[in-house]
Amino acid sequence: MISFTTLLLASAALVHAAINDACTAGSTPGVCLTTASCSSSGGTSHPGFCPNDPTNVQCCTKTCGSGGTCRFSNTCTTGNTQTGLCPGPSGFICCLPGSSTCTPPAVNADTISLIKQFEGFVPRPAPDPIGLPTVGYGHLCQTTNCAEVPFSFPLTTAQASTLLTNDLKTFERCITNDISNSVRLNANQYGALVSWAFNVGCGNTRSSTLISRLNAGQNPNTVAAEELPKWNRAGGQVLPGLVNRRAAEVRLFQTASSVIAHPPC
């Protein structure tokens, strides 16, 4: 015989089963959340689309980024997604339109000067402070003796500058792609972040709290001042050169500019 307590527990499980589940409000994808959670994240609650849940659990929908819609990642057909912009579970992400023809802008002269200052000029492949083989202005060798570099050694400073410009395209692209188009950055702010990415790698910047905070709409100057200085270690050690570089990147980030570099178009 089934006890009254068992029935109560089964009913409770049924009542709350839909929280964090997918739902559709009309033709708009959403997630079943409490109305308080939805509104605090900037979403819109729609009653009647989350069966078996209390009245304060409704289908939460939200637009995000530049022309994007919050939906579960396995339903985003464009493959162009952004995390940190949507309420609910981690799999409920911002699905943006397919990549456009916008080209990430090149960094400005002040950024180039900062990078050159801290990377230093190395005419022939040589280990950097943590033993990685580099050449020019911070080019990390991809093959033995940097065979991928299209110049003979020793490099001239002009050749090293060309190599740096080409190398930076990867990091300009990852900063542009990882930061929501709802975030506006001037040329100095953008350049400081590209310098940081060039130094620590796109994988680290992509998963960073700094990028998450920017995409959550927090004040860029505050975020940069609080987050960039944390990236001062290499090989498990705090390096004075990295402490100084992060401080210089913060100064550049907080230097006013009328040129908008992000979003790129």
Protein backbone atom coordinates (compact mmCIF):
# COMPACT_ATOMS: atom_id res chain seq x y z
CA MET A 1 0.00 0.00 0.00
CA ILE A 2 1.36 3.45 -0.97
CA SER A 3 1.66 5.79 1.99
CA PHE A 4 0.40 9.34 2.09
CA THR A 5 4.00 10.53 2.61
CA THR A 6 5.11 8.73 -0.55
CA LEU A 7 2.36 10.41 -2.51
CA LEU A 8 3.37 13.78 -1.17
CA LEU A 9 7.00 13.27 -2.19
CA ALA A 10 6.00 12.11 -5.65
CA SER A 11 3.74 15.12 -6.06
CA ALA A 12 6.52 17.48 -4.97
CA ALA A 13 8.90 15.94 -7.51
CA LEU A 14 6.28 16.40 -10.23
CA VAL A 15 5.57 19.98 -9.25
CA HIS A 16 9.20 21.09 -9.47
CA ALA A 17 10.32 18.87 -12.34
CA ALA A 18 10.26 21.62 -14.97
CA ILE A 19 12.60 24.15 -13.29
CA ASN A 20 15.63 24.71 -15.58
CA ASP A 21 13.93 22.70 -18.34
CA ALA A 22 13.50 24.00 -21.87
CA CYS A 23 10.25 25.70 -22.83
CA THR A 24 8.89 27.70 -25.74
CA ALA A 25 6.82 30.85 -25.38
CA GLY A 26 5.05 31.04 -28.71
CA SER A 27 7.99 30.53 -31.07
CA THR A 28 10.64 31.94 -28.70
CA PRO A 29 12.89 29.47 -26.85
CA GLY A 30 13.22 29.81 -23.10
CA VAL A 31 13.93 28.11 -19.80
CA CYS A 32 11.58 27.47 -16.88
CA LEU A 33 12.68 29.70 -13.98
CA THR A 34 11.15 31.55 -11.08
CA THR A 35 9.86 34.94 -12.12
CA ALA A 36 12.26 36.58 -9.66
CA SER A 37 15.31 34.86 -11.19
CA CYS A 38 14.16 35.73 -14.68
CA SER A 39 13.50 39.41 -14.02
CA SER A 40 16.75 39.89 -12.09
CA SER A 41 18.64 38.66 -15.16
CA GLY A 42 16.79 40.96 -17.53
CA GLY A 43 14.52 38.29 -18.95
CA THR A 44 10.78 38.19 -19.60
CA SER A 45 8.48 35.66 -17.91
CA HIS A 46 5.62 34.04 -19.83
CA PRO A 47 2.93 32.11 -17.86
CA GLY A 48 1.44 28.82 -19.01
CA PHE A 49 4.44 27.27 -20.74
CA CYS A 50 5.96 25.34 -17.81
CA PRO A 51 3.38 22.68 -16.88
CA ASN A 52 3.34 21.12 -13.41
CA ASP A 53 5.20 24.08 -11.86
CA PRO A 54 3.93 26.67 -9.38
CA THR A 55 2.58 29.94 -10.75
CA ASN A 56 5.84 31.74 -9.97
CA VAL A 57 7.79 29.39 -12.29
CA GLN A 58 7.31 30.54 -15.87
CA CYS A 59 9.01 30.38 -19.25
CA CYS A 60 11.85 32.91 -19.19
CA THR A 61 13.02 34.36 -22.53
CA LYS A 62 15.69 36.93 -23.22
CA THR A 63 17.37 38.64 -26.14
CA CYS A 64 21.13 39.03 -25.84
CA GLY A 65 24.27 40.36 -27.49
CA SER A 66 23.79 41.84 -30.94
CA GLY A 67 20.67 40.24 -32.40
CA GLY A 68 20.99 37.08 -30.30
CA THR A 69 18.48 34.97 -28.36
CA CYS A 70 19.03 32.94 -25.22
CA ARG A 71 18.50 29.24 -25.91
CA PHE A 72 19.99 25.88 -25.00
CA SER A 73 23.35 25.30 -26.68
CA ASN A 74 22.26 22.16 -28.51
CA THR A 75 19.61 24.18 -30.38
CA CYS A 76 21.92 27.00 -31.55
CA THR A 77 22.36 26.22 -35.24
CA THR A 78 24.71 29.13 -36.03
CA GLY A 79 27.42 27.85 -33.68
CA ASN A 80 28.09 31.47 -32.71
CA THR A 81 27.52 31.51 -28.96
CA GLN A 82 28.37 33.70 -25.99
CA THR A 83 28.28 32.68 -22.34
CA GLY A 84 27.49 34.84 -19.33
CA LEU A 85 24.55 36.69 -20.87
CA CYS A 86 21.60 34.44 -20.09
CA PRO A 87 19.75 33.38 -16.92
CA GLY A 88 19.35 29.81 -15.74
CA PRO A 89 21.64 26.80 -16.19
CA SER A 90 25.06 26.97 -17.88
CA GLY A 91 23.77 25.28 -21.02
CA PHE A 92 21.30 28.12 -21.62
CA ILE A 93 23.50 30.48 -23.64
CA CYS A 94 23.33 33.44 -26.00
CA CYS A 95 22.93 32.21 -29.58
CA LEU A 96 24.11 34.94 -31.92
CA PRO A 97 23.56 35.28 -35.67
CA GLY A 98 26.13 33.60 -37.87
CA SER A 99 29.48 35.35 -38.09
CA SER A 100 29.39 38.43 -40.25
CA THR A 101 32.04 39.76 -42.61
CA CYS A 102 33.22 42.23 -39.98
CA THR A 103 36.98 42.14 -39.61
CA PRO A 104 38.44 42.74 -36.16
CA PRO A 105 40.29 46.07 -36.21
CA ALA A 106 44.05 46.26 -35.94
CA VAL A 107 45.32 47.62 -32.64
CA ASN A 108 46.53 51.21 -32.46
CA ALA A 109 50.10 52.52 -32.29
CA ASP A 110 50.02 52.90 -28.50
CA THR A 111 49.22 49.21 -28.15
CA ILE A 112 52.03 48.24 -30.51
CA SER A 113 54.45 50.37 -28.49
CA LEU A 114 53.36 48.76 -25.24
CA ILE A 115 53.77 45.24 -26.61
CA LYS A 116 57.20 46.00 -28.07
CA GLN A 117 58.33 47.56 -24.79
CA PHE A 118 57.53 44.47 -22.76
CA GLU A 119 58.34 41.77 -25.31
CA GLY A 120 61.68 43.29 -26.30
CA PHE A 121 63.40 42.69 -29.65
CA VAL A 122 65.05 39.30 -30.17
CA PRO A 123 66.75 38.99 -33.58
CA ARG A 124 67.31 35.20 -33.34
CA PRO A 125 65.24 32.47 -31.65
CA ALA A 126 65.98 32.42 -27.91
CA PRO A 127 64.22 31.26 -24.71
CA ASP A 128 61.92 33.76 -23.02
CA PRO A 129 61.89 34.20 -19.19
CA ILE A 130 60.11 30.85 -18.70
CA GLY A 131 62.08 28.99 -21.35
CA LEU A 132 59.78 29.16 -24.39
CA PRO A 133 61.55 29.81 -27.71
CA THR A 134 60.63 33.22 -29.15
CA VAL A 135 61.91 35.62 -31.77
CA GLY A 136 61.19 39.16 -32.89
CA TYR A 137 58.68 40.90 -30.63
CA GLY A 138 57.27 37.95 -28.72
CA HIS A 139 56.65 35.54 -31.60
CA LEU A 140 56.35 32.09 -30.03
CA CYS A 141 58.15 29.57 -32.24
CA GLN A 142 55.81 26.90 -33.61
CA THR A 143 58.50 24.73 -35.19
CA THR A 144 62.15 23.89 -34.59
CA ASN A 145 64.31 27.00 -34.94
CA CYS A 146 61.17 29.04 -35.79
CA ALA A 147 61.19 27.63 -39.32
CA GLU A 148 57.69 29.05 -39.90
CA VAL A 149 59.02 32.62 -39.82
CA PRO A 150 59.23 33.89 -43.45
CA PHE A 151 62.45 35.85 -42.81
CA SER A 152 66.05 34.81 -42.32
CA PHE A 153 67.81 35.41 -39.02
CA PRO A 154 68.88 37.76 -37.60
CA LEU A 155 65.64 39.68 -38.06
CA THR A 156 65.60 43.41 -38.63
CA THR A 157 63.27 45.48 -36.45
CA ALA A 158 61.14 46.14 -39.54
CA GLN A 159 60.78 42.40 -40.18
CA ALA A 160 59.97 41.79 -36.53
CA SER A 161 57.29 44.50 -36.69
CA THR A 162 55.71 42.81 -39.71
CA LEU A 163 55.77 39.48 -37.89
CA LEU A 164 54.14 41.07 -34.83
CA THR A 165 51.37 42.65 -36.93
CA ASN A 166 50.57 39.26 -38.44
CA ASP A 167 50.71 37.49 -35.08
CA LEU A 168 48.33 39.99 -33.49
CA LYS A 169 45.54 39.15 -35.93
CA THR A 170 44.84 35.94 -33.99
CA PHE A 171 44.49 37.82 -30.73
CA GLU A 172 42.49 40.68 -32.24
CA ARG A 173 40.08 38.04 -33.50
CA CYS A 174 39.72 36.19 -30.23
CA ILE A 175 39.12 39.35 -28.18
CA THR A 176 36.56 40.53 -30.74
CA ASN A 177 34.78 37.16 -30.80
CA ASP A 178 34.81 36.56 -27.05
CA ILE A 179 33.37 39.93 -26.05
CA SER A 180 29.68 40.54 -26.65
CA ASN A 181 28.74 43.16 -29.21
CA SER A 182 26.73 44.86 -26.47
CA VAL A 183 30.06 45.88 -24.87
CA ARG A 184 31.56 49.08 -26.29
CA LEU A 185 35.33 49.47 -26.08
CA ASN A 186 37.46 52.30 -27.36
CA ALA A 187 40.72 51.69 -29.21
CA ASN A 188 42.84 51.85 -26.06
CA GLN A 189 40.60 49.50 -24.09
CA TYR A 190 40.55 47.04 -26.98
CA GLY A 191 44.31 47.34 -27.48
CA ALA A 192 45.05 46.67 -23.81
CA LEU A 193 43.00 43.47 -23.97
CA VAL A 194 44.73 42.34 -27.17
CA SER A 195 48.11 42.92 -25.50
CA TRP A 196 46.93 40.81 -22.57
CA ALA A 197 45.69 38.03 -24.89
CA PHE A 198 48.96 38.09 -26.83
CA ASN A 199 50.77 37.52 -23.56
CA VAL A 200 48.57 34.88 -21.88
CA GLY A 201 46.85 33.18 -24.84
CA CYS A 202 43.31 33.14 -26.20
CA GLY A 203 42.30 30.07 -24.22
CA ASN A 204 43.04 31.82 -20.95
CA THR A 205 41.31 35.05 -21.90
CA ARG A 206 38.22 33.23 -23.18
CA SER A 207 37.64 31.46 -19.86
CA SER A 208 38.60 34.44 -17.71
CA THR A 209 36.54 36.27 -15.12
CA LEU A 210 37.52 39.51 -16.86
CA ILE A 211 35.70 38.56 -20.07
CA SER A 212 32.73 37.19 -18.12
CA ARG A 213 32.40 40.42 -16.16
CA LEU A 214 32.58 42.57 -19.28
CA ASN A 215 29.91 40.45 -20.95
CA ALA A 216 27.75 40.74 -17.85
CA GLY A 217 27.67 44.50 -18.39
CA GLN A 218 30.00 45.60 -15.60
CA ASN A 219 31.97 48.85 -15.88
CA PRO A 220 34.94 48.16 -18.21
CA ASN A 221 37.42 50.44 -16.43
CA THR A 222 36.60 48.88 -13.06
CA VAL A 223 36.83 45.35 -14.45
CA ALA A 224 40.20 45.99 -16.09
CA ALA A 225 41.66 47.60 -12.98
CA GLU A 226 40.55 44.69 -10.80
CA GLU A 227 41.19 41.75 -13.12
CA LEU A 228 44.26 42.50 -15.26
CA PRO A 229 46.71 42.74 -12.31
CA LYS A 230 45.79 39.16 -11.31
CA TRP A 231 47.60 37.88 -14.41
CA ASN A 232 51.09 38.37 -13.04
CA ARG A 233 52.40 34.80 -12.87
CA ALA A 234 54.35 32.59 -15.26
CA GLY A 235 55.68 29.17 -14.38
CA GLY A 236 53.94 29.51 -11.02
CA GLN A 237 55.95 32.57 -10.04
CA VAL A 238 55.03 36.25 -9.82
CA LEU A 239 57.28 38.02 -12.32
CA PRO A 240 58.07 41.75 -11.92
CA GLY A 241 57.88 42.13 -15.71
CA LEU A 242 54.30 40.84 -15.73
CA VAL A 243 53.35 43.05 -12.78
CA ASN A 244 54.65 46.06 -14.72
CA ARG A 245 53.02 44.96 -17.97
CA ARG A 246 49.60 44.54 -16.38
CA ALA A 247 49.92 47.99 -14.78
CA ALA A 248 50.77 49.47 -18.19
CA GLU A 249 47.80 47.70 -19.77
CA VAL A 250 45.49 49.09 -17.11
CA ARG A 251 46.84 52.61 -17.77
CA LEU A 252 46.29 52.18 -21.50
CA PHE A 253 42.81 50.74 -20.92
CA GLN A 254 41.84 53.76 -18.80
CA THR A 255 43.21 56.30 -21.30
CA ALA A 256 40.34 58.05 -23.07
CA SER A 257 39.90 57.65 -26.82
CA SER A 258 37.16 58.76 -29.18
CA VAL A 259 37.82 55.81 -31.51
CA ILE A 260 35.45 52.87 -30.97
CA ALA A 261 37.12 49.53 -31.73
CA HIS A 262 34.43 47.16 -30.42
CA PRO A 263 31.98 46.14 -31.68
CA PRO A 264 33.83 46.18 -35.02
CA CYS A 265 30.73 47.11 -37.06
